[in-house]
């Protein structure tokens, strides 16, 4: 969904992805079949936008030990 969300954005010309295997690349290519589904809910996905940098930037997160 994330890849298709980026591709559905008219302000983005190109998308670069990283892969760690041929299977991963194949999965990403296969996901492109769902771009029309993402385009259909694109405006709803935009409503999830978060602007608060305390939330979206990990460097602003409090350091806590994970058990």
N, C-alpha and C. Protein backbone atom coordinates (compact mmCIF):
# COMPACT_ATOMS: atom_id res chain seq x y z
N UNK A 1 0.82 -1.18 0.00
CA UNK A 1 0.00 0.00 0.00
C UNK A 1 0.88 1.26 0.00
N UNK A 2 1.94 1.24 0.78
CA UNK A 2 2.80 2.42 0.87
C UNK A 2 3.44 2.76 -0.47
N UNK A 3 3.90 1.75 -1.16
CA UNK A 3 4.50 1.98 -2.48
C UNK A 3 3.47 2.56 -3.43
N UNK A 4 2.29 1.99 -3.46
CA UNK A 4 1.24 2.49 -4.35
C UNK A 4 0.76 3.88 -3.94
N UNK A 5 0.77 4.17 -2.63
CA UNK A 5 0.40 5.50 -2.16
C UNK A 5 1.37 6.53 -2.73
N UNK A 6 2.66 6.23 -2.68
CA UNK A 6 3.66 7.14 -3.24
C UNK A 6 3.49 7.28 -4.75
N UNK A 7 3.24 6.18 -5.43
CA UNK A 7 3.07 6.22 -6.88
C UNK A 7 1.80 6.95 -7.30
N UNK A 8 0.78 6.95 -6.44
CA UNK A 8 -0.48 7.63 -6.76
C UNK A 8 -0.39 9.13 -6.55
N UNK A 9 0.66 9.59 -5.87
CA UNK A 9 0.83 11.01 -5.61
C UNK A 9 1.34 11.69 -6.87
N UNK A 10 0.55 12.62 -7.38
CA UNK A 10 0.90 13.30 -8.64
C UNK A 10 2.13 14.19 -8.51
N UNK A 11 2.54 14.50 -7.29
CA UNK A 11 3.72 15.34 -7.07
C UNK A 11 5.02 14.54 -7.04
N UNK A 12 4.90 13.23 -7.09
CA UNK A 12 6.08 12.36 -7.07
C UNK A 12 6.30 11.79 -8.47
N UNK A 13 7.49 12.04 -9.00
CA UNK A 13 7.83 11.57 -10.36
C UNK A 13 8.42 10.17 -10.38
N UNK A 14 9.22 9.85 -9.37
CA UNK A 14 9.91 8.57 -9.33
C UNK A 14 9.91 8.06 -7.90
N UNK A 15 9.97 6.75 -7.75
CA UNK A 15 10.05 6.12 -6.44
C UNK A 15 11.22 5.15 -6.46
N UNK A 16 12.06 5.23 -5.46
CA UNK A 16 13.19 4.31 -5.33
C UNK A 16 12.90 3.40 -4.14
N UNK A 17 13.03 2.11 -4.36
CA UNK A 17 12.79 1.15 -3.27
C UNK A 17 14.05 0.31 -3.07
N UNK A 18 14.21 -0.19 -1.87
CA UNK A 18 15.29 -1.12 -1.57
C UNK A 18 14.71 -2.51 -1.43
N UNK A 19 15.46 -3.48 -1.82
CA UNK A 19 15.03 -4.87 -1.67
C UNK A 19 16.19 -5.69 -1.11
N UNK A 20 15.85 -6.79 -0.45
CA UNK A 20 16.89 -7.64 0.10
C UNK A 20 16.93 -9.04 -0.52
N UNK A 21 16.04 -9.25 -1.48
CA UNK A 21 16.03 -10.54 -2.18
C UNK A 21 15.20 -10.42 -3.45
N UNK A 22 15.33 -11.40 -4.32
CA UNK A 22 14.51 -11.43 -5.52
C UNK A 22 13.04 -11.60 -5.16
N UNK A 23 12.77 -12.35 -4.11
CA UNK A 23 11.39 -12.54 -3.66
C UNK A 23 10.79 -11.22 -3.21
N UNK A 24 11.57 -10.44 -2.48
CA UNK A 24 11.12 -9.13 -2.03
C UNK A 24 10.83 -8.22 -3.22
N UNK A 25 11.70 -8.23 -4.22
CA UNK A 25 11.49 -7.44 -5.43
C UNK A 25 10.23 -7.91 -6.14
N UNK A 26 10.06 -9.21 -6.26
CA UNK A 26 8.88 -9.78 -6.91
C UNK A 26 7.60 -9.37 -6.18
N UNK A 27 7.63 -9.41 -4.86
CA UNK A 27 6.46 -8.99 -4.06
C UNK A 27 6.12 -7.52 -4.31
N UNK A 28 7.15 -6.68 -4.38
CA UNK A 28 6.91 -5.26 -4.64
C UNK A 28 6.32 -5.05 -6.04
N UNK A 29 6.83 -5.76 -7.01
CA UNK A 29 6.30 -5.64 -8.37
C UNK A 29 4.85 -6.12 -8.43
N UNK A 30 4.56 -7.24 -7.75
CA UNK A 30 3.19 -7.76 -7.74
C UNK A 30 2.22 -6.79 -7.06
N UNK A 31 2.71 -6.05 -6.07
CA UNK A 31 1.84 -5.11 -5.35
C UNK A 31 1.35 -3.98 -6.26
N UNK A 32 2.04 -3.76 -7.36
CA UNK A 32 1.63 -2.69 -8.28
C UNK A 32 0.26 -2.97 -8.91
N UNK A 33 -0.18 -4.22 -8.85
CA UNK A 33 -1.51 -4.57 -9.36
C UNK A 33 -2.61 -3.88 -8.57
N UNK A 34 -2.29 -3.47 -7.35
CA UNK A 34 -3.30 -2.88 -6.46
C UNK A 34 -3.34 -1.35 -6.51
N UNK A 35 -2.66 -0.74 -7.45
CA UNK A 35 -2.60 0.72 -7.48
C UNK A 35 -3.99 1.34 -7.64
N UNK A 36 -4.88 0.72 -8.40
CA UNK A 36 -6.21 1.29 -8.57
C UNK A 36 -7.00 1.27 -7.26
N UNK A 37 -6.77 0.25 -6.43
CA UNK A 37 -7.42 0.20 -5.12
C UNK A 37 -6.95 1.37 -4.26
N UNK A 38 -5.65 1.63 -4.29
CA UNK A 38 -5.10 2.73 -3.49
C UNK A 38 -5.57 4.07 -4.04
N UNK A 39 -5.62 4.21 -5.34
CA UNK A 39 -6.13 5.46 -5.93
C UNK A 39 -7.57 5.70 -5.48
N UNK A 40 -8.32 4.62 -5.31
CA UNK A 40 -9.72 4.75 -4.90
C UNK A 40 -9.89 5.25 -3.47
N UNK A 41 -8.88 5.04 -2.63
CA UNK A 41 -8.96 5.50 -1.23
C UNK A 41 -7.90 6.55 -0.92
N UNK A 42 -7.27 7.10 -1.95
CA UNK A 42 -6.17 8.04 -1.76
C UNK A 42 -6.56 9.22 -0.87
N UNK A 43 -7.72 9.82 -1.11
CA UNK A 43 -8.12 10.98 -0.31
C UNK A 43 -8.34 10.59 1.15
N UNK A 44 -8.84 9.38 1.40
CA UNK A 44 -9.01 8.90 2.78
C UNK A 44 -7.64 8.70 3.45
N UNK A 45 -6.68 8.19 2.70
CA UNK A 45 -5.34 7.99 3.24
C UNK A 45 -4.69 9.33 3.59
N UNK A 46 -4.94 10.35 2.78
CA UNK A 46 -4.39 11.67 3.07
C UNK A 46 -4.91 12.22 4.39
N UNK A 47 -6.10 11.82 4.80
CA UNK A 47 -6.66 12.27 6.07
C UNK A 47 -5.86 11.74 7.26
N UNK A 48 -5.03 10.74 7.06
CA UNK A 48 -4.21 10.17 8.13
C UNK A 48 -2.92 10.95 8.35
N UNK A 49 -2.71 12.00 7.59
CA UNK A 49 -1.49 12.79 7.66
C UNK A 49 -1.27 13.33 9.07
N UNK A 50 -0.02 13.25 9.52
CA UNK A 50 0.37 13.76 10.83
C UNK A 50 1.47 14.80 10.63
N UNK A 51 1.32 15.97 11.22
CA UNK A 51 2.31 17.03 11.07
C UNK A 51 3.17 17.23 12.31
N UNK A 52 2.78 16.65 13.43
CA UNK A 52 3.50 16.85 14.68
C UNK A 52 4.84 16.13 14.64
N UNK A 53 5.93 16.91 14.61
CA UNK A 53 7.27 16.31 14.51
C UNK A 53 7.65 15.52 15.75
N UNK A 54 6.97 15.75 16.88
CA UNK A 54 7.23 14.95 18.07
C UNK A 54 6.78 13.51 17.86
N UNK A 55 5.86 13.32 16.93
CA UNK A 55 5.34 11.99 16.64
C UNK A 55 6.04 11.35 15.44
N UNK A 56 6.29 12.12 14.38
CA UNK A 56 6.78 11.51 13.14
C UNK A 56 8.30 11.38 13.06
N UNK A 57 9.03 12.10 13.89
CA UNK A 57 10.50 12.01 13.84
C UNK A 57 11.02 11.20 15.02
N UNK A 58 11.59 10.02 14.74
CA UNK A 58 12.07 9.16 15.83
C UNK A 58 13.07 9.85 16.76
N UNK A 59 13.84 10.80 16.26
CA UNK A 59 14.81 11.47 17.12
C UNK A 59 14.14 12.28 18.22
N UNK A 60 12.87 12.56 18.07
CA UNK A 60 12.13 13.29 19.09
C UNK A 60 11.42 12.38 20.09
N UNK A 61 11.49 11.08 19.86
CA UNK A 61 10.83 10.15 20.76
C UNK A 61 11.67 10.01 22.03
N UNK A 62 11.00 9.83 23.14
CA UNK A 62 11.71 9.61 24.38
C UNK A 62 12.38 8.24 24.33
N UNK A 63 13.59 8.19 24.85
CA UNK A 63 14.30 6.91 24.91
C UNK A 63 13.75 6.10 26.06
N UNK A 64 13.28 4.93 25.74
CA UNK A 64 12.77 4.02 26.75
C UNK A 64 13.37 2.65 26.51
N UNK A 65 13.68 1.98 27.59
CA UNK A 65 14.20 0.62 27.45
C UNK A 65 13.07 -0.32 27.07
N UNK A 66 13.34 -1.15 26.12
CA UNK A 66 12.38 -2.19 25.74
C UNK A 66 12.75 -3.46 26.46
N UNK A 67 11.79 -4.06 27.08
CA UNK A 67 12.06 -5.31 27.82
C UNK A 67 11.87 -6.51 26.94
